[in-house]
Amino acid sequence: MGKKMEKKRAEMPPARAGILSFWDEEAPGIKIDPDYILYACFAVAVLLIIAHTMAAV
């Protein structure tokens, strides 16, 4: 999979390639699964809905 990522990264502007390095197995440091980002956004949305409901009551 590493080779595919390298090829994709070569075709991208540098900023996007830097963001994608989070997902690459070979990247050192923090490993972030894209699914967790989705779950985090969903959790924030639910919390905002709850907060608005509480404020309205």
PDB file of N, CA and C in Angstrom:
ATOM      1  N   MET A   1       0.826  -1.206   0.000  1.00  0.00           N
ATOM      2  CA  MET A   1       0.000   0.000   0.000  1.00  0.00           C
ATOM      3  C   MET A   1       0.862   1.259   0.000  1.00  0.00           C
ATOM      4  N   GLY A   2       2.042   1.179   0.579  1.00  0.00           N
ATOM      5  CA  GLY A   2       2.921   2.340   0.655  1.00  0.00           C
ATOM      6  C   GLY A   2       3.257   2.923  -0.706  1.00  0.00           C
ATOM      7  N   LYS A   3       3.470   2.044  -1.685  1.00  0.00           N
ATOM      8  CA  LYS A   3       3.835   2.511  -3.023  1.00  0.00           C
ATOM      9  C   LYS A   3       2.685   3.279  -3.670  1.00  0.00           C
ATOM     10  N   LYS A   4       1.474   2.784  -3.472  1.00  0.00           N
ATOM     11  CA  LYS A   4       0.309   3.463  -4.035  1.00  0.00           C
ATOM     12  C   LYS A   4       0.182   4.870  -3.469  1.00  0.00           C
ATOM     13  N   MET A   5       0.391   4.968  -2.144  1.00  0.00           N
ATOM     14  CA  MET A   5       0.284   6.269  -1.484  1.00  0.00           C
ATOM     15  C   MET A   5       1.342   7.229  -2.026  1.00  0.00           C
ATOM     16  N   GLU A   6       2.555   6.716  -2.231  1.00  0.00           N
ATOM     17  CA  GLU A   6       3.633   7.558  -2.758  1.00  0.00           C
ATOM     18  C   GLU A   6       3.249   8.115  -4.121  1.00  0.00           C
ATOM     19  N   LYS A   7       2.665   7.263  -4.958  1.00  0.00           N
ATOM     20  CA  LYS A   7       2.277   7.683  -6.306  1.00  0.00           C
ATOM     21  C   LYS A   7       1.188   8.748  -6.224  1.00  0.00           C
ATOM     22  N   LYS A   8       0.190   8.503  -5.377  1.00  0.00           N
ATOM     23  CA  LYS A   8      -0.890   9.475  -5.207  1.00  0.00           C
ATOM     24  C   LYS A   8      -0.331  10.796  -4.709  1.00  0.00           C
ATOM     25  N   ARG A   9       0.589  10.712  -3.751  1.00  0.00           N
ATOM     26  CA  ARG A   9       1.138  11.919  -3.144  1.00  0.00           C
ATOM     27  C   ARG A   9       1.932  12.727  -4.167  1.00  0.00           C
ATOM     28  N   ALA A  10       2.587  12.038  -5.087  1.00  0.00           N
ATOM     29  CA  ALA A  10       3.385  12.729  -6.100  1.00  0.00           C
ATOM     30  C   ALA A  10       2.501  13.553  -7.031  1.00  0.00           C
ATOM     31  N   GLU A  11       1.251  13.106  -7.229  1.00  0.00           N
ATOM     32  CA  GLU A  11       0.354  13.813  -8.150  1.00  0.00           C
ATOM     33  C   GLU A  11      -0.381  14.971  -7.477  1.00  0.00           C
ATOM     34  N   MET A  12      -0.190  15.153  -6.175  1.00  0.00           N
ATOM     35  CA  MET A  12      -0.951  16.150  -5.430  1.00  0.00           C
ATOM     36  C   MET A  12      -0.126  17.385  -5.116  1.00  0.00           C
ATOM     37  N   PRO A  13      -0.822  18.496  -4.857  1.00  0.00           N
ATOM     38  CA  PRO A  13      -0.095  19.649  -4.305  1.00  0.00           C
ATOM     39  C   PRO A  13       0.486  19.294  -2.931  1.00  0.00           C
ATOM     40  N   PRO A  14       1.592  19.923  -2.539  1.00  0.00           N
ATOM     41  CA  PRO A  14       2.309  19.547  -1.314  1.00  0.00           C
ATOM     42  C   PRO A  14       1.451  19.609  -0.047  1.00  0.00           C
ATOM     43  N   ALA A  15       0.545  20.578   0.038  1.00  0.00           N
ATOM     44  CA  ALA A  15      -0.263  20.709   1.257  1.00  0.00           C
ATOM     45  C   ALA A  15      -1.123  19.468   1.469  1.00  0.00           C
ATOM     46  N   ARG A  16      -1.761  19.009   0.407  1.00  0.00           N
ATOM     47  CA  ARG A  16      -2.607  17.810   0.525  1.00  0.00           C
ATOM     48  C   ARG A  16      -1.767  16.592   0.859  1.00  0.00           C
ATOM     49  N   ALA A  17      -0.596  16.503   0.268  1.00  0.00           N
ATOM     50  CA  ALA A  17       0.283  15.359   0.517  1.00  0.00           C
ATOM     51  C   ALA A  17       0.673  15.318   1.996  1.00  0.00           C
ATOM     52  N   GLY A  18       0.900  16.477   2.590  1.00  0.00           N
ATOM     53  CA  GLY A  18       1.254  16.550   4.001  1.00  0.00           C
ATOM     54  C   GLY A  18       0.131  16.048   4.886  1.00  0.00           C
ATOM     55  N   ILE A  19      -1.109  16.424   4.532  1.00  0.00           N
ATOM     56  CA  ILE A  19      -2.265  15.973   5.309  1.00  0.00           C
ATOM     57  C   ILE A  19      -2.394  14.460   5.181  1.00  0.00           C
ATOM     58  N   LEU A  20      -2.201  13.950   3.966  1.00  0.00           N
ATOM     59  CA  LEU A  20      -2.366  12.520   3.729  1.00  0.00           C
ATOM     60  C   LEU A  20      -1.316  11.696   4.455  1.00  0.00           C
ATOM     61  N   SER A  21      -0.178  12.290   4.785  1.00  0.00           N
ATOM     62  CA  SER A  21       0.876  11.515   5.446  1.00  0.00           C
ATOM     63  C   SER A  21       0.416  11.020   6.821  1.00  0.00           C
ATOM     64  N   PHE A  22      -0.626  11.638   7.395  1.00  0.00           N
ATOM     65  CA  PHE A  22      -1.206  11.148   8.644  1.00  0.00           C
ATOM     66  C   PHE A  22      -1.729   9.723   8.479  1.00  0.00           C
ATOM     67  N   TRP A  23      -2.280   9.446   7.287  1.00  0.00           N
ATOM     68  CA  TRP A  23      -2.938   8.157   7.061  1.00  0.00           C
ATOM     69  C   TRP A  23      -1.962   7.069   6.638  1.00  0.00           C
ATOM     70  N   ASP A  24      -0.776   7.466   6.200  1.00  0.00           N
ATOM     71  CA  ASP A  24       0.176   6.505   5.648  1.00  0.00           C
ATOM     72  C   ASP A  24       0.797   5.675   6.768  1.00  0.00           C
ATOM     73  N   GLU A  25       0.894   4.357   6.562  1.00  0.00           N
ATOM     74  CA  GLU A  25       1.469   3.494   7.600  1.00  0.00           C
ATOM     75  C   GLU A  25       2.917   3.864   7.885  1.00  0.00           C
ATOM     76  N   GLU A  26       3.630   4.278   6.834  1.00  0.00           N
ATOM     77  CA  GLU A  26       5.057   4.529   6.988  1.00  0.00           C
ATOM     78  C   GLU A  26       5.362   5.866   7.672  1.00  0.00           C
ATOM     79  N   ALA A  27       4.345   6.715   7.801  1.00  0.00           N
ATOM     80  CA  ALA A  27       4.583   8.029   8.385  1.00  0.00           C
ATOM     81  C   ALA A  27       4.892   7.892   9.875  1.00  0.00           C
ATOM     82  N   PRO A  28       5.931   8.562  10.341  1.00  0.00           N
ATOM     83  CA  PRO A  28       6.238   8.526  11.773  1.00  0.00           C
ATOM     84  C   PRO A  28       5.252   9.383  12.562  1.00  0.00           C
ATOM     85  N   GLY A  29       5.180   9.160  13.852  1.00  0.00           N
ATOM     86  CA  GLY A  29       4.347  10.008  14.700  1.00  0.00           C
ATOM     87  C   GLY A  29       2.934   9.481  14.841  1.00  0.00           C
ATOM     88  N   ILE A  30       1.985  10.416  14.888  1.00  0.00           N
ATOM     89  CA  ILE A  30       0.600  10.066  15.203  1.00  0.00           C
ATOM     90  C   ILE A  30      -0.046   9.353  14.018  1.00  0.00           C
ATOM     91  N   LYS A  31      -0.760   8.291  14.318  1.00  0.00           N
ATOM     92  CA  LYS A  31      -1.525   7.602  13.277  1.00  0.00           C
ATOM     93  C   LYS A  31      -3.002   7.925  13.505  1.00  0.00           C
ATOM     94  N   ILE A  32      -3.633   8.550  12.520  1.00  0.00           N
ATOM     95  CA  ILE A  32      -5.046   8.900  12.646  1.00  0.00           C
ATOM     96  C   ILE A  32      -5.833   8.129  11.596  1.00  0.00           C
ATOM     97  N   ASP A  33      -6.803   7.357  12.051  1.00  0.00           N
ATOM     98  CA  ASP A  33      -7.665   6.633  11.130  1.00  0.00           C
ATOM     99  C   ASP A  33      -8.724   7.602  10.603  1.00  0.00           C
ATOM    100  N   PRO A  34      -8.947   7.676   9.299  1.00  0.00           N
ATOM    101  CA  PRO A  34      -9.943   8.610   8.752  1.00  0.00           C
ATOM    102  C   PRO A  34     -11.329   8.426   9.381  1.00  0.00           C
ATOM    103  N   ASP A  35     -11.668   7.185   9.757  1.00  0.00           N
ATOM    104  CA  ASP A  35     -12.972   6.944  10.374  1.00  0.00           C
ATOM    105  C   ASP A  35     -13.115   7.705  11.687  1.00  0.00           C
ATOM    106  N   TYR A  36     -12.029   7.823  12.443  1.00  0.00           N
ATOM    107  CA  TYR A  36     -12.114   8.513  13.723  1.00  0.00           C
ATOM    108  C   TYR A  36     -12.412   9.993  13.534  1.00  0.00           C
ATOM    109  N   ILE A  37     -11.913  10.577  12.445  1.00  0.00           N
ATOM    110  CA  ILE A  37     -12.204  11.985  12.157  1.00  0.00           C
ATOM    111  C   ILE A  37     -13.701  12.137  11.897  1.00  0.00           C
ATOM    112  N   LEU A  38     -14.257  11.185  11.138  1.00  0.00           N
ATOM    113  CA  LEU A  38     -15.694  11.204  10.853  1.00  0.00           C
ATOM    114  C   LEU A  38     -16.498  11.080  12.146  1.00  0.00           C
ATOM    115  N   TYR A  39     -16.101  10.157  13.020  1.00  0.00           N
ATOM    116  CA  TYR A  39     -16.809   9.971  14.290  1.00  0.00           C
ATOM    117  C   TYR A  39     -16.722  11.232  15.146  1.00  0.00           C
ATOM    118  N   ALA A  40     -15.565  11.874  15.148  1.00  0.00           N
ATOM    119  CA  ALA A  40     -15.384  13.086  15.951  1.00  0.00           C
ATOM    120  C   ALA A  40     -16.316  14.194  15.458  1.00  0.00           C
ATOM    121  N   CYS A  41     -16.427  14.355  14.146  1.00  0.00           N
ATOM    122  CA  CYS A  41     -17.329  15.376  13.583  1.00  0.00           C
ATOM    123  C   CYS A  41     -18.773  15.074  13.972  1.00  0.00           C
ATOM    124  N   PHE A  42     -19.136  13.805  13.898  1.00  0.00           N
ATOM    125  CA  PHE A  42     -20.497  13.397  14.247  1.00  0.00           C
ATOM    126  C   PHE A  42     -20.780  13.687  15.721  1.00  0.00           C
ATOM    127  N   ALA A  43     -19.813  13.376  16.582  1.00  0.00           N
ATOM    128  CA  ALA A  43     -19.981  13.612  18.019  1.00  0.00           C
ATOM    129  C   ALA A  43     -20.144  15.101  18.310  1.00  0.00           C
ATOM    130  N   VAL A  44     -19.355  15.935  17.646  1.00  0.00           N
ATOM    131  CA  VAL A  44     -19.454  17.386  17.846  1.00  0.00           C
ATOM    132  C   VAL A  44     -20.828  17.877  17.397  1.00  0.00           C
ATOM    133  N   ALA A  45     -21.311  17.358  16.263  1.00  0.00           N
ATOM    134  CA  ALA A  45     -22.633  17.755  15.766  1.00  0.00           C
ATOM    135  C   ALA A  45     -23.725  17.385  16.773  1.00  0.00           C
ATOM    136  N   VAL A  46     -23.653  16.179  17.329  1.00  0.00           N
ATOM    137  CA  VAL A  46     -24.647  15.735  18.312  1.00  0.00           C
ATOM    138  C   VAL A  46     -24.590  16.622  19.555  1.00  0.00           C
ATOM    139  N   LEU A  47     -23.380  16.930  20.014  1.00  0.00           N
ATOM    140  CA  LEU A  47     -23.238  17.790  21.198  1.00  0.00           C
ATOM    141  C   LEU A  47     -23.813  19.186  20.943  1.00  0.00           C
ATOM    142  N   LEU A  48     -23.599  19.710  19.735  1.00  0.00           N
ATOM    143  CA  LEU A  48     -24.148  21.028  19.404  1.00  0.00           C
ATOM    144  C   LEU A  48     -25.675  20.992  19.412  1.00  0.00           C
ATOM    145  N   ILE A  49     -26.249  19.926  18.865  1.00  0.00           N
ATOM    146  CA  ILE A  49     -27.715  19.795  18.855  1.00  0.00           C
ATOM    147  C   ILE A  49     -28.247  19.746  20.286  1.00  0.00           C
ATOM    148  N   ILE A  50     -27.590  18.972  21.144  1.00  0.00           N
ATOM    149  CA  ILE A  50     -28.016  18.867  22.549  1.00  0.00           C
ATOM    150  C   ILE A  50     -27.897  20.227  23.238  1.00  0.00           C
ATOM    151  N   ALA A  51     -26.799  20.928  23.000  1.00  0.00           N
ATOM    152  CA  ALA A  51     -26.586  22.233  23.629  1.00  0.00           C
ATOM    153  C   ALA A  51     -27.661  23.231  23.194  1.00  0.00           C
ATOM    154  N   HIS A  52     -28.012  23.221  21.921  1.00  0.00           N
ATOM    155  CA  HIS A  52     -29.052  24.126  21.429  1.00  0.00           C
ATOM    156  C   HIS A  52     -30.406  23.772  22.027  1.00  0.00           C
ATOM    157  N   THR A  53     -30.666  22.490  22.173  1.00  0.00           N
ATOM    158  CA  THR A  53     -31.931  22.052  22.770  1.00  0.00           C
ATOM    159  C   THR A  53     -32.014  22.507  24.225  1.00  0.00           C
ATOM    160  N   MET A  54     -30.925  22.357  24.963  1.00  0.00           N
ATOM    161  CA  MET A  54     -30.893  22.779  26.365  1.00  0.00           C
ATOM    162  C   MET A  54     -31.101  24.292  26.473  1.00  0.00           C
ATOM    163  N   ALA A  55     -30.475  25.039  25.564  1.00  0.00           N
ATOM    164  CA  ALA A  55     -30.566  26.494  25.618  1.00  0.00           C
ATOM    165  C   ALA A  55     -31.990  26.962  25.295  1.00  0.00           C
ATOM    166  N   ALA A  56     -32.686  26.220  24.449  1.00  0.00           N
ATOM    167  CA  ALA A  56     -34.030  26.616  24.038  1.00  0.00           C
ATOM    168  C   ALA A  56     -35.063  26.347  25.134  1.00  0.00           C
ATOM    169  N   VAL A  57     -34.765  25.398  26.014  1.00  0.00           N
ATOM    170  CA  VAL A  57     -35.743  25.020  27.049  1.00  0.00           C
ATOM    171  C   VAL A  57     -35.721  26.025  28.191  1.00  0.00           C
TER     172      VAL A  57
END
